[in-house]
Structures are given as C-alpha cells and as structure tokens.
Amino acid sequence: MRFNRKTGRGWVGLAALGLWLTPLGQAEVHVTDNVVVVVDASGSMGTPMRGTNTDRMSVAKDALKQVLGQIPSSTHVGVLVFPNGNWVYPLGPRNDERLNGAIDSITSQGGTPLGEYMKQGADALLEARKKQFGYGTYRLLVVTDGEANDAGLVDGYTPDIISRGITIDAIGVEMQSQHTLATMVHSYRSADDPESLRQAINEVFAEVSAADAGSTGENAFEMIADLPGETASAMLKTLSTTGNEPIKHHAVMRRADPPQQRNTSSPSSTPNQSGPSFDDDPNAMEMFGGLLLMCGCPLLIVFGIYAVVKASKNKG
C-alpha cells in the first residue's frame, strides 16, 4: 500500500485518539439475534389463571418452551428469573434440552425486584453486542403479573436501556390494569389466558426472526473488506465499544406520583404503537442527545478515515 503525507497525518491522528488496534484478520465475528427473557417468578405467579386449573407460572413456562422450540437455532437466548432464580439459562446458543430443563426449574416465590433484573439482562445483551462489534439484534422481554417493588429503579433503568439501542417488550399476565412499562417500552401485550400468553410471546420472537441480522453484518463487513487492515480494525473497535458499557447504577427512588391506571378488561396482544416518549420525561431528550453525540462522533471519525483512504487509493 502507498502512503502520502495526508494519509500519514491521518494515521498520526488516529493514534492520538487512542485507537490501538489488532489486525482485521484476527477479528472473527458470528452475528446473531440475542434475546433475554426476564421472568417474574414472584409469589403471585403461583395464582391459578382464570378459567384454568393451572397456575400462571406453569402456563408461562409451557408457553416459553413451546415458542422457544420454534425459533431459529441461531438465535441466542438467555432466561433471567426474579426474585431468586437469577440466570437459569445464561445468554448463549440455544440447547433445547438444557433450556427446557432450566425453564422447568423455575418456581414462584418472593417479591418483584423488576428494575434490578432488567439491568442484569441489559448488561448481558450489551456484553454480547460488544463481542459482535455492534451487529445483530438485542431484545429484552419482560413477562410479569405485577408492578415492581423497585419501581424507582424501573423508572431509572428503562430509558437508559432503550437509549443503548436495546428493544424492550413487556407482557402483562392477568393484570387488572396495564403495567407501568406499557407507556415506556417498545411494545406491550396483555395476556389473560394460556393462548393469549403463548401468542404474545410468539409475536415477540416473530419480530426477532424478521430482523435479518446476519445479512446486516455481512454487508457491513463487505463495506470495509478492501480497506487497510488498521483502518478496518479501527472501525470495528469503534463499533464494539460505543454504547456497550454496563448500565449505570441508579439509586433507589420513590415515584413522585402513582401511575395512572387504565382498565384493560379485555385481553390485548397489540403492541404499543407510540413507543417510548420524550414528552413526559424532560431528562429523556437530554439522554437521547447524549447518545447521539456518543455514537455519532466516533462513527463520523471512522467514516472520515474511510473517505480519506478511499480518496488516496483513487489518486494512486
């Protein structure tokens, strides 16, 4: 490869930015879809579901096993159970025998520390995204039958998780009113019987399958295939580190006002079309702007390097 003075100055600037890199040939990335299911196993999940002789927990476990057995084998799955189960199945490749055994092991007892476990699930997804250099899809599915005991943490963590580019779906099981998450996350579905719960979980994973993450990764790597190894590695490193740090811990806060309750007497599996809103949270727009700055600046630098190198190659 030929270097001119402009290109040389570009490499000096790159080094000054601290992008110390490995050769592109050492970066082997397998791009996957990634879903963490956060399962509410609080005591109320042991309540029989209306119209059945089966408790909510058993219905949820059967629905999860049925749907997860039908998703593409390439999808990475994790199952995180609160309050006492933690990771019954760590995020990774799907093994049906181990996965079904892990789901069967879930028992219902205790409270609903939802916010704490949403952070744990999101951190696992961010770590997976870091290893995949930012490619793939990343979802957090919450299945719960009640409001969180740590509502302040839910309020604090949810916007932060969404600002990192993680999709959050929530399913409310036999709730008399919509869960607080209904107005905060990308989609919310109500499930008041076994069939609507299975359908709600199936709809979430159908959206995962529809996202063609594999081709996205391939196209991105094709874009940098003819770049010098150092430049391509810089692009990969930037993508792997931007926005993938663990979610920041929040102090436990009390809600100033209780959430407005809405009657949802009939089952619904319709996603929340409006999605997250900045209107009710003055800090959300600031957080969104910070995310754009954090993500946009490194990418502008990387693609600026790309343009300089391409121009120098054309002149040569």
C-alpha atoms as a PDB file:
ATOM      1  CA  MET A   1       0.000   0.000   0.000  1.00  0.00           C
ATOM      2  CA  ARG A   2       1.257   3.538  -0.843  1.00  0.00           C
ATOM      3  CA  PHE A   3       1.149   6.310   1.777  1.00  0.00           C
ATOM      4  CA  ASN A   4       1.153  10.042   1.074  1.00  0.00           C
ATOM      5  CA  ARG A   5       1.565  12.818   3.604  1.00  0.00           C
ATOM      6  CA  LYS A   6      -2.159  13.329   4.061  1.00  0.00           C
ATOM      7  CA  THR A   7      -2.694   9.656   4.743  1.00  0.00           C
ATOM      8  CA  GLY A   8       0.263   9.653   7.136  1.00  0.00           C
ATOM      9  CA  ARG A   9      -1.175  12.545   9.095  1.00  0.00           C
ATOM     10  CA  GLY A  10      -4.445  10.608   9.264  1.00  0.00           C
ATOM     11  CA  TRP A  11      -2.697   7.681  10.953  1.00  0.00           C
ATOM     12  CA  VAL A  12      -0.996  10.039  13.440  1.00  0.00           C
ATOM     13  CA  GLY A  13      -4.391  11.489  14.314  1.00  0.00           C
ATOM     14  CA  LEU A  14      -5.825   8.005  14.660  1.00  0.00           C
ATOM     15  CA  ALA A  15      -3.080   7.036  17.093  1.00  0.00           C
ATOM     16  CA  ALA A  16      -3.650  10.226  19.059  1.00  0.00           C
ATOM     17  CA  LEU A  17      -7.278   9.216  19.531  1.00  0.00           C
ATOM     18  CA  GLY A  18      -6.099   6.069  21.274  1.00  0.00           C
ATOM     19  CA  LEU A  19      -7.390   3.534  18.749  1.00  0.00           C
ATOM     20  CA  TRP A  20      -4.696   0.902  19.281  1.00  0.00           C
ATOM     21  CA  LEU A  21      -5.873  -1.971  17.171  1.00  0.00           C
ATOM     22  CA  THR A  22      -5.412  -5.584  16.192  1.00  0.00           C
ATOM     23  CA  PRO A  23      -5.207  -6.748  12.582  1.00  0.00           C
ATOM     24  CA  LEU A  24      -8.562  -7.270  10.888  1.00  0.00           C
ATOM     25  CA  GLY A  25      -7.701 -10.892  10.194  1.00  0.00           C
ATOM     26  CA  GLN A  26      -7.892 -11.622  13.915  1.00  0.00           C
ATOM     27  CA  ALA A  27     -11.482 -10.360  14.199  1.00  0.00           C
ATOM     28  CA  GLU A  28     -13.854 -13.269  13.627  1.00  0.00           C
ATOM     29  CA  VAL A  29     -17.454 -12.304  14.298  1.00  0.00           C
ATOM     30  CA  HIS A  30     -20.537 -14.522  14.264  1.00  0.00           C
ATOM     31  CA  VAL A  31     -23.567 -12.235  14.080  1.00  0.00           C
ATOM     32  CA  THR A  32     -26.674 -13.462  15.923  1.00  0.00           C
ATOM     33  CA  ASP A  33     -30.038 -12.323  17.237  1.00  0.00           C
ATOM     34  CA  ASN A  34     -29.992 -12.088  21.042  1.00  0.00           C
ATOM     35  CA  VAL A  35     -32.961 -12.199  23.422  1.00  0.00           C
ATOM     36  CA  VAL A  36     -33.002 -12.172  27.219  1.00  0.00           C
ATOM     37  CA  VAL A  37     -36.318 -13.213  28.787  1.00  0.00           C
ATOM     38  CA  VAL A  38     -36.834 -11.715  32.252  1.00  0.00           C
ATOM     39  CA  VAL A  39     -39.392 -13.935  34.003  1.00  0.00           C
ATOM     40  CA  ASP A  40     -41.408 -12.855  37.027  1.00  0.00           C
ATOM     41  CA  ALA A  41     -41.409 -15.780  39.476  1.00  0.00           C
ATOM     42  CA  SER A  42     -42.853 -13.832  42.394  1.00  0.00           C
ATOM     43  CA  GLY A  43     -45.396 -15.462  44.692  1.00  0.00           C
ATOM     44  CA  SER A  44     -48.372 -14.119  42.740  1.00  0.00           C
ATOM     45  CA  MET A  45     -47.311 -16.147  39.689  1.00  0.00           C
ATOM     46  CA  GLY A  46     -48.411 -19.208  41.688  1.00  0.00           C
ATOM     47  CA  THR A  47     -52.019 -17.992  41.449  1.00  0.00           C
ATOM     48  CA  PRO A  48     -54.285 -20.115  39.202  1.00  0.00           C
ATOM     49  CA  MET A  49     -55.018 -18.440  35.876  1.00  0.00           C
ATOM     50  CA  ARG A  50     -58.675 -17.572  35.421  1.00  0.00           C
ATOM     51  CA  GLY A  51     -60.688 -20.292  33.734  1.00  0.00           C
ATOM     52  CA  THR A  52     -57.994 -22.928  34.255  1.00  0.00           C
ATOM     53  CA  ASN A  53     -56.747 -25.267  36.947  1.00  0.00           C
ATOM     54  CA  THR A  54     -53.154 -24.239  36.188  1.00  0.00           C
ATOM     55  CA  ASP A  55     -51.125 -21.535  37.899  1.00  0.00           C
ATOM     56  CA  ARG A  56     -49.714 -18.600  35.927  1.00  0.00           C
ATOM     57  CA  MET A  57     -46.133 -19.810  36.348  1.00  0.00           C
ATOM     58  CA  SER A  58     -46.868 -23.200  34.775  1.00  0.00           C
ATOM     59  CA  VAL A  59     -48.737 -21.554  31.904  1.00  0.00           C
ATOM     60  CA  ALA A  60     -45.824 -19.165  31.304  1.00  0.00           C
ATOM     61  CA  LYS A  61     -43.272 -21.996  31.369  1.00  0.00           C
ATOM     62  CA  ASP A  62     -45.262 -24.073  28.869  1.00  0.00           C
ATOM     63  CA  ALA A  63     -45.661 -21.068  26.548  1.00  0.00           C
ATOM     64  CA  LEU A  64     -41.957 -20.226  26.703  1.00  0.00           C
ATOM     65  CA  LYS A  65     -40.876 -23.795  25.949  1.00  0.00           C
ATOM     66  CA  GLN A  66     -43.295 -24.070  23.039  1.00  0.00           C
ATOM     67  CA  VAL A  67     -42.274 -20.781  21.409  1.00  0.00           C
ATOM     68  CA  LEU A  68     -38.529 -21.069  22.060  1.00  0.00           C
ATOM     69  CA  GLY A  69     -38.529 -24.509  20.467  1.00  0.00           C
ATOM     70  CA  GLN A  70     -39.684 -22.962  17.181  1.00  0.00           C
ATOM     71  CA  ILE A  71     -37.307 -20.021  16.798  1.00  0.00           C
ATOM     72  CA  PRO A  72     -34.210 -20.229  14.550  1.00  0.00           C
ATOM     73  CA  SER A  73     -31.464 -22.289  16.144  1.00  0.00           C
ATOM     74  CA  SER A  74     -29.025 -19.433  15.518  1.00  0.00           C
ATOM     75  CA  THR A  75     -30.845 -17.153  17.978  1.00  0.00           C
ATOM     76  CA  HIS A  76     -29.033 -16.734  21.291  1.00  0.00           C
ATOM     77  CA  VAL A  77     -31.354 -16.908  24.298  1.00  0.00           C
ATOM     78  CA  GLY A  78     -30.997 -16.137  27.998  1.00  0.00           C
ATOM     79  CA  VAL A  79     -33.551 -16.672  30.774  1.00  0.00           C
ATOM     80  CA  LEU A  80     -33.259 -14.499  33.878  1.00  0.00           C
ATOM     81  CA  VAL A  81     -35.650 -15.187  36.770  1.00  0.00           C
ATOM     82  CA  PHE A  82     -36.506 -12.932  39.685  1.00  0.00           C
ATOM     83  CA  PRO A  83     -36.540 -12.684  42.633  1.00  0.00           C
ATOM     84  CA  ASN A  84     -34.414 -15.732  43.479  1.00  0.00           C
ATOM     85  CA  GLY A  85     -33.616 -17.624  40.284  1.00  0.00           C
ATOM     86  CA  ASN A  86     -31.050 -15.348  38.618  1.00  0.00           C
ATOM     87  CA  TRP A  87     -29.679 -16.817  35.362  1.00  0.00           C
ATOM     88  CA  VAL A  88     -31.331 -20.209  34.973  1.00  0.00           C
ATOM     89  CA  TYR A  89     -30.055 -20.153  31.366  1.00  0.00           C
ATOM     90  CA  PRO A  90     -27.206 -17.693  30.612  1.00  0.00           C
ATOM     91  CA  LEU A  91     -27.384 -15.810  27.315  1.00  0.00           C
ATOM     92  CA  GLY A  92     -25.908 -18.021  24.616  1.00  0.00           C
ATOM     93  CA  PRO A  93     -26.639 -20.619  21.916  1.00  0.00           C
ATOM     94  CA  ARG A  94     -29.901 -22.499  22.241  1.00  0.00           C
ATOM     95  CA  ASN A  95     -29.763 -26.062  23.541  1.00  0.00           C
ATOM     96  CA  ASP A  96     -33.356 -27.252  23.810  1.00  0.00           C
ATOM     97  CA  GLU A  97     -32.722 -29.953  26.401  1.00  0.00           C
ATOM     98  CA  ARG A  98     -30.841 -27.636  28.767  1.00  0.00           C
ATOM     99  CA  LEU A  99     -33.159 -24.706  28.044  1.00  0.00           C
ATOM    100  CA  ASN A 100     -36.338 -26.672  28.771  1.00  0.00           C
ATOM    101  CA  GLY A 101     -34.807 -28.084  31.935  1.00  0.00           C
ATOM    102  CA  ALA A 102     -33.872 -24.583  33.062  1.00  0.00           C
ATOM    103  CA  ILE A 103     -37.399 -23.288  32.435  1.00  0.00           C
ATOM    104  CA  ASP A 104     -38.937 -26.263  34.261  1.00  0.00           C
ATOM    105  CA  SER A 105     -36.779 -25.472  37.301  1.00  0.00           C
ATOM    106  CA  ILE A 106     -38.446 -22.086  37.854  1.00  0.00           C
ATOM    107  CA  THR A 107     -40.580 -21.829  40.996  1.00  0.00           C
ATOM    108  CA  SER A 108     -42.713 -18.913  42.169  1.00  0.00           C
ATOM    109  CA  GLN A 109     -41.883 -17.197  45.451  1.00  0.00           C
ATOM    110  CA  GLY A 110     -40.911 -13.786  46.804  1.00  0.00           C
ATOM    111  CA  GLY A 111     -41.296 -10.220  45.577  1.00  0.00           C
ATOM    112  CA  THR A 112     -40.914  -8.315  42.300  1.00  0.00           C
ATOM    113  CA  PRO A 113     -37.495  -6.568  42.023  1.00  0.00           C
ATOM    114  CA  LEU A 114     -38.002  -5.995  38.296  1.00  0.00           C
ATOM    115  CA  GLY A 115     -35.710  -2.992  37.823  1.00  0.00           C
ATOM    116  CA  GLU A 116     -32.652  -4.773  39.216  1.00  0.00           C
ATOM    117  CA  TYR A 117     -33.144  -7.712  36.872  1.00  0.00           C
ATOM    118  CA  MET A 118     -33.837  -5.561  33.821  1.00  0.00           C
ATOM    119  CA  LYS A 119     -30.380  -4.057  34.351  1.00  0.00           C
ATOM    120  CA  GLN A 120     -28.797  -7.518  34.626  1.00  0.00           C
ATOM    121  CA  GLY A 121     -30.428  -8.652  31.401  1.00  0.00           C
ATOM    122  CA  ALA A 122     -29.480  -5.458  29.559  1.00  0.00           C
ATOM    123  CA  ASP A 123     -25.851  -5.703  30.689  1.00  0.00           C
ATOM    124  CA  ALA A 124     -25.642  -9.242  29.282  1.00  0.00           C
ATOM    125  CA  LEU A 125     -27.020  -8.021  25.952  1.00  0.00           C
ATOM    126  CA  LEU A 126     -24.532  -5.134  25.853  1.00  0.00           C
ATOM    127  CA  GLU A 127     -21.645  -7.517  26.505  1.00  0.00           C
ATOM    128  CA  ALA A 128     -22.855  -9.745  23.652  1.00  0.00           C
ATOM    129  CA  ARG A 129     -23.135  -6.724  21.345  1.00  0.00           C
ATOM    130  CA  LYS A 130     -19.597  -5.687  22.227  1.00  0.00           C
ATOM    131  CA  LYS A 131     -18.325  -9.102  21.147  1.00  0.00           C
ATOM    132  CA  GLN A 132     -20.262  -8.810  17.874  1.00  0.00           C
ATOM    133  CA  PHE A 133     -18.871  -5.327  17.105  1.00  0.00           C
ATOM    134  CA  GLY A 134     -22.330  -3.792  17.362  1.00  0.00           C
ATOM    135  CA  TYR A 135     -24.018  -6.076  14.841  1.00  0.00           C
ATOM    136  CA  GLY A 136     -27.029  -8.319  15.480  1.00  0.00           C
ATOM    137  CA  THR A 137     -30.320  -7.586  17.254  1.00  0.00           C
ATOM    138  CA  TYR A 138     -30.798  -7.225  21.007  1.00  0.00           C
ATOM    139  CA  ARG A 139     -34.088  -7.607  22.902  1.00  0.00           C
ATOM    140  CA  LEU A 140     -35.221  -7.717  26.493  1.00  0.00           C
ATOM    141  CA  LEU A 141     -38.577  -9.476  27.014  1.00  0.00           C
ATOM    142  CA  VAL A 142     -40.252  -8.966  30.400  1.00  0.00           C
ATOM    143  CA  VAL A 143     -43.015 -11.394  31.455  1.00  0.00           C
ATOM    144  CA  THR A 144     -44.691 -10.253  34.684  1.00  0.00           C
ATOM    145  CA  ASP A 145     -48.022 -10.253  36.513  1.00  0.00           C
ATOM    146  CA  GLY A 146     -47.499  -7.240  38.769  1.00  0.00           C
ATOM    147  CA  GLU A 147     -45.901  -3.875  39.399  1.00  0.00           C
ATOM    148  CA  ALA A 148     -42.289  -3.795  40.553  1.00  0.00           C
ATOM    149  CA  ASN A 149     -41.278  -3.477  44.200  1.00  0.00           C
ATOM    150  CA  ASP A 150     -38.381  -1.311  42.979  1.00  0.00           C
ATOM    151  CA  ALA A 151     -40.473   0.995  40.792  1.00  0.00           C
ATOM    152  CA  GLY A 152     -37.892   3.771  41.066  1.00  0.00           C
ATOM    153  CA  LEU A 153     -35.237   1.532  39.514  1.00  0.00           C
ATOM    154  CA  VAL A 154     -37.605   0.585  36.692  1.00  0.00           C
ATOM    155  CA  ASP A 155     -38.173   4.289  36.007  1.00  0.00           C
ATOM    156  CA  GLY A 156     -34.429   4.947  36.061  1.00  0.00           C
ATOM    157  CA  TYR A 157     -33.126   1.957  34.122  1.00  0.00           C
ATOM    158  CA  THR A 158     -35.743   1.681  31.364  1.00  0.00           C
ATOM    159  CA  PRO A 159     -34.859   4.921  29.492  1.00  0.00           C
ATOM    160  CA  ASP A 160     -31.147   4.120  29.871  1.00  0.00           C
ATOM    161  CA  ILE A 161     -31.602   0.631  28.410  1.00  0.00           C
ATOM    162  CA  ILE A 162     -33.650   1.964  25.496  1.00  0.00           C
ATOM    163  CA  SER A 163     -31.094   4.720  24.844  1.00  0.00           C
ATOM    164  CA  ARG A 164     -28.490   1.985  24.241  1.00  0.00           C
ATOM    165  CA  GLY A 165     -30.485   0.599  21.321  1.00  0.00           C
ATOM    166  CA  ILE A 166     -31.956  -2.407  23.148  1.00  0.00           C
ATOM    167  CA  THR A 167     -35.582  -3.203  22.311  1.00  0.00           C
ATOM    168  CA  ILE A 168     -37.778  -3.840  25.358  1.00  0.00           C
ATOM    169  CA  ASP A 169     -41.002  -5.846  25.073  1.00  0.00           C
ATOM    170  CA  ALA A 170     -43.314  -6.432  28.038  1.00  0.00           C
ATOM    171  CA  ILE A 171     -46.154  -8.884  28.589  1.00  0.00           C
ATOM    172  CA  GLY A 172     -48.597  -8.306  31.443  1.00  0.00           C
ATOM    173  CA  VAL A 173     -50.095 -11.568  32.705  1.00  0.00           C
ATOM    174  CA  GLU A 174     -53.649 -11.259  34.082  1.00  0.00           C
ATOM    175  CA  MET A 175     -53.169  -7.697  35.264  1.00  0.00           C
ATOM    176  CA  GLN A 176     -56.249  -5.670  36.180  1.00  0.00           C
ATOM    177  CA  SER A 177     -54.668  -2.593  34.620  1.00  0.00           C
ATOM    178  CA  GLN A 178     -51.795  -2.004  32.231  1.00  0.00           C
ATOM    179  CA  HIS A 179     -48.321  -2.336  33.695  1.00  0.00           C
ATOM    180  CA  THR A 180     -46.354   0.888  34.132  1.00  0.00           C
ATOM    181  CA  LEU A 181     -43.939  -0.382  31.473  1.00  0.00           C
ATOM    182  CA  ALA A 182     -46.749  -0.175  28.896  1.00  0.00           C
ATOM    183  CA  THR A 183     -46.047   3.518  28.277  1.00  0.00           C
ATOM    184  CA  MET A 184     -42.263   3.216  28.491  1.00  0.00           C
ATOM    185  CA  VAL A 185     -41.243   0.296  26.273  1.00  0.00           C
ATOM    186  CA  HIS A 186     -41.345  -0.529  22.565  1.00  0.00           C
ATOM    187  CA  SER A 187     -44.268  -2.958  22.814  1.00  0.00           C
ATOM    188  CA  TYR A 188     -46.709  -4.078  25.488  1.00  0.00           C
ATOM    189  CA  ARG A 189     -49.119  -7.002  25.305  1.00  0.00           C
ATOM    190  CA  SER A 190     -51.746  -8.226  27.750  1.00  0.00           C
ATOM    191  CA  ALA A 191     -52.277 -11.955  28.301  1.00  0.00           C
ATOM    192  CA  ASP A 192     -55.252 -13.186  30.324  1.00  0.00           C
ATOM    193  CA  ASP A 193     -55.341 -16.843  29.304  1.00  0.00           C
ATOM    194  CA  PRO A 194     -52.878 -19.535  28.140  1.00  0.00           C
ATOM    195  CA  GLU A 195     -53.486 -18.961  24.432  1.00  0.00           C
ATOM    196  CA  SER A 196     -53.061 -15.176  24.557  1.00  0.00           C
ATOM    197  CA  LEU A 197     -49.843 -15.595  26.560  1.00  0.00           C
ATOM    198  CA  ARG A 198     -48.436 -18.060  24.047  1.00  0.00           C
ATOM    199  CA  GLN A 199     -49.485 -15.741  21.206  1.00  0.00           C
ATOM    200  CA  ALA A 200     -47.891 -12.710  22.873  1.00  0.00           C
ATOM    201  CA  ILE A 201     -44.552 -14.493  23.347  1.00  0.00           C
ATOM    202  CA  ASN A 202     -44.736 -15.852  19.805  1.00  0.00           C
ATOM    203  CA  GLU A 203     -45.304 -12.356  18.372  1.00  0.00           C
ATOM    204  CA  VAL A 204     -42.207 -11.021  20.100  1.00  0.00           C
ATOM    205  CA  PHE A 205     -39.995 -13.797  18.751  1.00  0.00           C
ATOM    206  CA  ALA A 206     -41.558 -13.464  15.297  1.00  0.00           C
ATOM    207  CA  GLU A 207     -40.259  -9.887  15.268  1.00  0.00           C
ATOM    208  CA  VAL A 208     -36.816 -11.168  16.237  1.00  0.00           C
ATOM    209  CA  SER A 209     -36.801 -13.662  13.372  1.00  0.00           C
ATOM    210  CA  ALA A 210     -37.941 -10.994  10.913  1.00  0.00           C
ATOM    211  CA  ALA A 211     -34.855  -8.886  11.631  1.00  0.00           C
ATOM    212  CA  ASP A 212     -32.225 -10.168   9.202  1.00  0.00           C
ATOM    213  CA  ALA A 213     -29.226  -9.530  11.418  1.00  0.00           C
ATOM    214  CA  GLY A 214     -26.963 -11.913   9.531  1.00  0.00           C
ATOM    215  CA  SER A 215     -27.124 -10.063   6.236  1.00  0.00           C
ATOM    216  CA  THR A 216     -26.619  -6.741   8.034  1.00  0.00           C
ATOM    217  CA  GLY A 217     -23.363  -7.955   9.464  1.00  0.00           C
ATOM    218  CA  GLU A 218     -22.213  -9.366   6.155  1.00  0.00           C
ATOM    219  CA  ASN A 219     -22.959  -6.114   4.327  1.00  0.00           C
ATOM    220  CA  ALA A 220     -21.075  -4.120   6.948  1.00  0.00           C
ATOM    221  CA  PHE A 221     -18.007  -6.317   6.684  1.00  0.00           C
ATOM    222  CA  GLU A 222     -18.164  -6.155   2.882  1.00  0.00           C
ATOM    223  CA  MET A 223     -18.047  -2.351   3.181  1.00  0.00           C
ATOM    224  CA  ILE A 224     -14.678  -2.482   4.957  1.00  0.00           C
ATOM    225  CA  ALA A 225     -13.247  -5.519   3.181  1.00  0.00           C
ATOM    226  CA  ASP A 226     -10.993  -3.521   0.824  1.00  0.00           C
ATOM    227  CA  LEU A 227      -9.712  -1.106   3.486  1.00  0.00           C
ATOM    228  CA  PRO A 228      -6.229  -1.403   5.001  1.00  0.00           C
ATOM    229  CA  GLY A 229      -6.231  -3.716   7.999  1.00  0.00           C
ATOM    230  CA  GLU A 230      -5.521  -0.963  10.516  1.00  0.00           C
ATOM    231  CA  THR A 231      -8.375   1.225   9.259  1.00  0.00           C
ATOM    232  CA  ALA A 232     -10.892  -1.605   9.161  1.00  0.00           C
ATOM    233  CA  SER A 233      -9.897  -2.653  12.663  1.00  0.00           C
ATOM    234  CA  ALA A 234     -10.432   0.920  13.846  1.00  0.00           C
ATOM    235  CA  MET A 235     -13.964   0.843  12.502  1.00  0.00           C
ATOM    236  CA  LEU A 236     -14.644  -2.489  14.178  1.00  0.00           C
ATOM    237  CA  LYS A 237     -13.255  -1.348  17.509  1.00  0.00           C
ATOM    238  CA  THR A 238     -15.327   1.819  17.461  1.00  0.00           C
ATOM    239  CA  LEU A 239     -18.487  -0.168  16.767  1.00  0.00           C
ATOM    240  CA  SER A 240     -17.659  -2.679  19.502  1.00  0.00           C
ATOM    241  CA  THR A 241     -17.097  -0.118  22.258  1.00  0.00           C
ATOM    242  CA  THR A 242     -19.598   2.674  21.574  1.00  0.00           C
ATOM    243  CA  GLY A 243     -22.529   2.488  23.981  1.00  0.00           C
ATOM    244  CA  ASN A 244     -21.775  -1.044  25.206  1.00  0.00           C
ATOM    245  CA  GLU A 245     -20.670  -0.171  28.728  1.00  0.00           C
ATOM    246  CA  PRO A 246     -22.796  -1.652  31.552  1.00  0.00           C
ATOM    247  CA  ILE A 247     -25.902   0.290  32.517  1.00  0.00           C
ATOM    248  CA  LYS A 248     -25.085   2.840  35.221  1.00  0.00           C
ATOM    249  CA  HIS A 249     -26.389   2.002  38.695  1.00  0.00           C
ATOM    250  CA  HIS A 250     -29.284   4.125  39.882  1.00  0.00           C
ATOM    251  CA  ALA A 251     -30.123   4.955  43.463  1.00  0.00           C
ATOM    252  CA  VAL A 252     -33.465   3.603  44.628  1.00  0.00           C
ATOM    253  CA  MET A 253     -36.045   6.332  44.082  1.00  0.00           C
ATOM    254  CA  ARG A 254     -39.691   6.724  45.006  1.00  0.00           C
ATOM    255  CA  ARG A 255     -42.182   7.663  42.342  1.00  0.00           C
ATOM    256  CA  ALA A 256     -43.481  11.162  42.883  1.00  0.00           C
ATOM    257  CA  ASP A 257     -46.934  10.207  41.636  1.00  0.00           C
ATOM    258  CA  PRO A 258     -48.527   6.782  41.213  1.00  0.00           C
ATOM    259  CA  PRO A 259     -49.023   5.713  37.596  1.00  0.00           C
ATOM    260  CA  GLN A 260     -52.444   6.377  36.134  1.00  0.00           C
ATOM    261  CA  GLN A 261     -54.341   3.095  35.975  1.00  0.00           C
ATOM    262  CA  ARG A 262     -56.224   2.155  32.852  1.00  0.00           C
ATOM    263  CA  ASN A 263     -58.886  -0.503  32.656  1.00  0.00           C
ATOM    264  CA  THR A 264     -57.939  -3.392  30.371  1.00  0.00           C
ATOM    265  CA  SER A 265     -60.796  -5.811  30.951  1.00  0.00           C
ATOM    266  CA  SER A 266     -60.394  -7.495  27.573  1.00  0.00           C
ATOM    267  CA  PRO A 267     -57.207  -9.305  26.523  1.00  0.00           C
ATOM    268  CA  SER A 268     -54.995  -7.478  24.080  1.00  0.00           C
ATOM    269  CA  SER A 269     -51.898  -8.517  22.207  1.00  0.00           C
ATOM    270  CA  THR A 270     -51.472  -5.251  20.321  1.00  0.00           C
ATOM    271  CA  PRO A 271     -48.014  -3.656  20.565  1.00  0.00           C
ATOM    272  CA  ASN A 272     -47.725  -0.123  21.871  1.00  0.00           C
ATOM    273  CA  GLN A 273     -47.512   1.776  18.599  1.00  0.00           C
ATOM    274  CA  SER A 274     -46.320   5.018  20.110  1.00  0.00           C
ATOM    275  CA  GLY A 275     -43.225   3.510  21.718  1.00  0.00           C
ATOM    276  CA  PRO A 276     -41.127   5.434  24.228  1.00  0.00           C
ATOM    277  CA  SER A 277     -41.981   9.118  24.505  1.00  0.00           C
ATOM    278  CA  PHE A 278     -39.890  12.107  25.496  1.00  0.00           C
ATOM    279  CA  ASP A 279     -42.962  14.193  26.351  1.00  0.00           C
ATOM    280  CA  ASP A 280     -43.307  13.085  29.983  1.00  0.00           C
ATOM    281  CA  ASP A 281     -39.610  12.946  30.854  1.00  0.00           C
ATOM    282  CA  PRO A 282     -37.545  16.137  30.472  1.00  0.00           C
ATOM    283  CA  ASN A 283     -34.362  14.137  31.052  1.00  0.00           C
ATOM    284  CA  ALA A 284     -35.100  11.716  28.243  1.00  0.00           C
ATOM    285  CA  MET A 285     -34.347  14.189  25.454  1.00  0.00           C
ATOM    286  CA  GLU A 286     -31.068  15.108  27.127  1.00  0.00           C
ATOM    287  CA  MET A 287     -30.176  11.421  27.378  1.00  0.00           C
ATOM    288  CA  PHE A 288     -31.111  10.907  23.728  1.00  0.00           C
ATOM    289  CA  GLY A 289     -28.959  13.834  22.675  1.00  0.00           C
ATOM    290  CA  GLY A 290     -26.067  12.447  24.669  1.00  0.00           C
ATOM    291  CA  LEU A 291     -26.472   9.096  22.953  1.00  0.00           C
ATOM    292  CA  LEU A 292     -26.386  10.734  19.524  1.00  0.00           C
ATOM    293  CA  LEU A 293     -23.218  12.602  20.462  1.00  0.00           C
ATOM    294  CA  MET A 294     -21.611   9.492  21.970  1.00  0.00           C
ATOM    295  CA  CYS A 295     -22.436   7.296  18.982  1.00  0.00           C
ATOM    296  CA  GLY A 296     -22.228   9.867  16.212  1.00  0.00           C
ATOM    297  CA  CYS A 297     -18.797  11.378  16.852  1.00  0.00           C
ATOM    298  CA  PRO A 298     -16.787   8.127  16.744  1.00  0.00           C
ATOM    299  CA  LEU A 299     -18.656   6.984  13.641  1.00  0.00           C
ATOM    300  CA  LEU A 300     -18.022  10.314  11.902  1.00  0.00           C
ATOM    301  CA  ILE A 301     -14.318   9.937  12.691  1.00  0.00           C
ATOM    302  CA  VAL A 302     -14.255   6.380  11.386  1.00  0.00           C
ATOM    303  CA  PHE A 303     -16.056   7.163   8.161  1.00  0.00           C
ATOM    304  CA  GLY A 304     -13.891  10.248   7.716  1.00  0.00           C
ATOM    305  CA  ILE A 305     -10.850   7.964   7.819  1.00  0.00           C
ATOM    306  CA  TYR A 306     -12.594   5.703   5.333  1.00  0.00           C
ATOM    307  CA  ALA A 307     -13.130   8.618   2.934  1.00  0.00           C
ATOM    308  CA  VAL A 308      -9.509   9.771   3.212  1.00  0.00           C
ATOM    309  CA  VAL A 309      -8.144   6.314   2.488  1.00  0.00           C
ATOM    310  CA  LYS A 310     -10.516   5.737  -0.439  1.00  0.00           C
ATOM    311  CA  ALA A 311      -9.561   9.105  -1.916  1.00  0.00           C
ATOM    312  CA  SER A 312      -5.858   8.352  -1.597  1.00  0.00           C
ATOM    313  CA  LYS A 313      -6.340   4.977  -3.275  1.00  0.00           C
ATOM    314  CA  ASN A 314      -8.233   6.576  -6.168  1.00  0.00           C
ATOM    315  CA  LYS A 315      -5.479   9.159  -6.677  1.00  0.00           C
ATOM    316  CA  GLY A 316      -2.891   6.396  -6.592  1.00  0.00           C
END
